[in-house]
C-alpha atoms as a PDB file:
ATOM      1  CA  MET A   1    -113.374 174.425 140.711  1.00  0.00           C
ATOM      2  CA  THR A   2    -110.848 174.289 143.534  1.00  0.00           C
ATOM      3  CA  TYR A   3    -110.046 177.572 145.320  1.00  0.00           C
ATOM      4  CA  LYS A   4    -106.483 178.453 146.346  1.00  0.00           C
ATOM      5  CA  PHE A   5    -105.550 178.853 150.059  1.00  0.00           C
ATOM      6  CA  ASP A   6    -104.678 182.468 150.791  1.00  0.00           C
ATOM      7  CA  GLY A   7    -103.467 181.726 154.320  1.00  0.00           C
ATOM      8  CA  PHE A   8    -104.380 182.567 157.826  1.00  0.00           C
ATOM      9  CA  HIS A   9    -104.736 186.297 158.507  1.00  0.00           C
ATOM     10  CA  GLY A  10    -105.412 188.617 161.428  1.00  0.00           C
ATOM     11  CA  ARG A  11    -106.663 186.918 164.571  1.00  0.00           C
ATOM     12  CA  ALA A  12    -106.519 183.506 162.905  1.00  0.00           C
ATOM     13  CA  LEU A  13    -102.699 183.615 162.855  1.00  0.00           C
ATOM     14  CA  TYR A  14    -102.587 184.190 166.665  1.00  0.00           C
ATOM     15  CA  GLU A  15    -105.241 181.497 167.297  1.00  0.00           C
ATOM     16  CA  LEU A  16    -103.432 178.990 165.095  1.00  0.00           C
ATOM     17  CA  ASN A  17    -100.391 179.061 167.338  1.00  0.00           C
ATOM     18  CA  GLY A  18    -102.573 178.144 170.374  1.00  0.00           C
ATOM     19  CA  LEU A  19    -104.090 175.044 168.766  1.00  0.00           C
ATOM     20  CA  PRO A  20    -102.720 171.624 169.732  1.00  0.00           C
ATOM     21  CA  ALA A  21    -100.670 170.040 166.893  1.00  0.00           C
ATOM     22  CA  GLU A  22    -103.120 167.180 166.642  1.00  0.00           C
ATOM     23  CA  VAL A  23    -105.911 169.699 165.937  1.00  0.00           C
ATOM     24  CA  ARG A  24    -103.895 171.749 163.369  1.00  0.00           C
ATOM     25  CA  ASN A  25    -102.664 168.660 161.542  1.00  0.00           C
ATOM     26  CA  GLY A  26    -105.998 166.752 161.793  1.00  0.00           C
ATOM     27  CA  PRO A  27    -109.492 168.262 161.845  1.00  0.00           C
ATOM     28  CA  LEU A  28    -108.389 171.758 160.979  1.00  0.00           C
ATOM     29  CA  LEU A  29    -106.382 170.686 157.976  1.00  0.00           C
ATOM     30  CA  ASP A  30    -109.186 168.378 156.837  1.00  0.00           C
ATOM     31  CA  CYS A  31    -111.726 171.246 157.021  1.00  0.00           C
ATOM     32  CA  VAL A  32    -109.491 173.574 155.053  1.00  0.00           C
ATOM     33  CA  ILE A  33    -108.945 171.038 152.294  1.00  0.00           C
ATOM     34  CA  GLU A  34    -112.729 170.380 152.152  1.00  0.00           C
ATOM     35  CA  LEU A  35    -113.497 174.127 152.038  1.00  0.00           C
ATOM     36  CA  LEU A  36    -111.094 174.616 149.111  1.00  0.00           C
ATOM     37  CA  HIS A  37    -113.229 172.148 147.126  1.00  0.00           C
ATOM     38  CA  SER A  38    -116.597 173.405 148.198  1.00  0.00           C
ATOM     39  CA  PRO A  39    -116.542 176.727 150.092  1.00  0.00           C
ATOM     40  CA  TRP A  40    -120.177 177.468 149.293  1.00  0.00           C
ATOM     41  CA  ASP A  41    -121.236 174.534 151.486  1.00  0.00           C
ATOM     42  CA  ALA A  42    -120.232 176.653 154.582  1.00  0.00           C
ATOM     43  CA  VAL A  43    -122.863 178.982 156.045  1.00  0.00           C
ATOM     44  CA  PRO A  44    -122.815 182.758 155.741  1.00  0.00           C
ATOM     45  CA  GLU A  45    -121.609 184.533 158.814  1.00  0.00           C
ATOM     46  CA  ARG A  46    -124.602 186.805 158.821  1.00  0.00           C
ATOM     47  CA  PRO A  47    -127.913 186.777 156.873  1.00  0.00           C
ATOM     48  CA  GLY A  48    -127.581 188.420 153.515  1.00  0.00           C
ATOM     49  CA  GLN A  49    -123.780 188.154 153.572  1.00  0.00           C
ATOM     50  CA  ARG A  50    -122.310 185.988 150.879  1.00  0.00           C
ATOM     51  CA  LEU A  51    -118.489 186.092 150.918  1.00  0.00           C
ATOM     52  CA  VAL A  52    -117.746 185.776 154.693  1.00  0.00           C
ATOM     53  CA  ARG A  53    -118.673 182.264 155.746  1.00  0.00           C
ATOM     54  CA  GLN A  54    -118.221 179.863 158.674  1.00  0.00           C
ATOM     55  CA  ALA A  55    -117.651 176.154 158.939  1.00  0.00           C
ATOM     56  CA  PHE A  56    -117.504 173.836 161.930  1.00  0.00           C
ATOM     57  CA  PHE A  57    -114.695 171.343 162.240  1.00  0.00           C
ATOM     58  CA  GLY A  58    -113.657 168.541 164.628  1.00  0.00           C
ATOM     59  CA  GLU A  59    -115.427 165.275 165.420  1.00  0.00           C
ATOM     60  CA  GLU A  60    -118.066 166.950 167.488  1.00  0.00           C
ATOM     61  CA  GLY A  61    -118.000 170.395 165.921  1.00  0.00           C
ATOM     62  CA  GLN A  62    -115.700 171.828 168.575  1.00  0.00           C
ATOM     63  CA  GLY A  63    -114.053 174.265 166.153  1.00  0.00           C
ATOM     64  CA  LEU A  64    -115.367 177.119 164.044  1.00  0.00           C
ATOM     65  CA  LEU A  65    -113.504 178.729 161.089  1.00  0.00           C
ATOM     66  CA  THR A  66    -114.507 182.106 159.713  1.00  0.00           C
ATOM     67  CA  PHE A  67    -113.214 182.783 156.265  1.00  0.00           C
ATOM     68  CA  ILE A  68    -113.536 185.146 153.246  1.00  0.00           C
ATOM     69  CA  ILE A  69    -114.030 183.935 149.712  1.00  0.00           C
ATOM     70  CA  ASN A  70    -112.604 186.077 146.936  1.00  0.00           C
ATOM     71  CA  GLU A  71    -114.478 185.070 143.698  1.00  0.00           C
ATOM     72  CA  GLN A  72    -112.225 187.184 141.403  1.00  0.00           C
ATOM     73  CA  THR A  73    -108.931 185.499 142.521  1.00  0.00           C
ATOM     74  CA  GLU A  74    -110.655 182.197 143.505  1.00  0.00           C
ATOM     75  CA  THR A  75    -109.009 182.262 146.887  1.00  0.00           C
ATOM     76  CA  LEU A  76    -110.047 181.455 150.470  1.00  0.00           C
ATOM     77  CA  ARG A  77    -108.637 183.427 153.405  1.00  0.00           C
ATOM     78  CA  ILE A  78    -109.119 182.250 157.052  1.00  0.00           C
ATOM     79  CA  ILE A  79    -109.635 185.223 159.398  1.00  0.00           C
ATOM     80  CA  ASP A  80    -110.720 183.567 162.646  1.00  0.00           C
ATOM     81  CA  ILE A  81    -110.469 180.211 164.431  1.00  0.00           C
ATOM     82  CA  LEU A  82    -112.393 179.212 167.499  1.00  0.00           C
ATOM     83  CA  TRP A  83    -111.556 175.908 169.263  1.00  0.00           C
ATOM     84  CA  VAL A  84    -113.458 174.891 172.366  1.00  0.00           C
ATOM     85  CA  GLY A  85    -112.176 171.220 172.540  1.00  0.00           C
END
């Protein structure tokens, strides 16, 4: 099953604007596409939490995405982006 992308929300919208174009159009995009195919491969944000998950991106893991999975609508919503590269 492939999930649908529900967009960047909250703080992620602000952080997206600060990312260099080569990061947005490269490692970030690659990570989002991969997550849409297999969101459960990402780790839960906190122990015991299932639907809020995190995934590293970038060649050396310089970025971290936090996202919410909605099982009913089969969507993925990105709520936070951290880039230290």
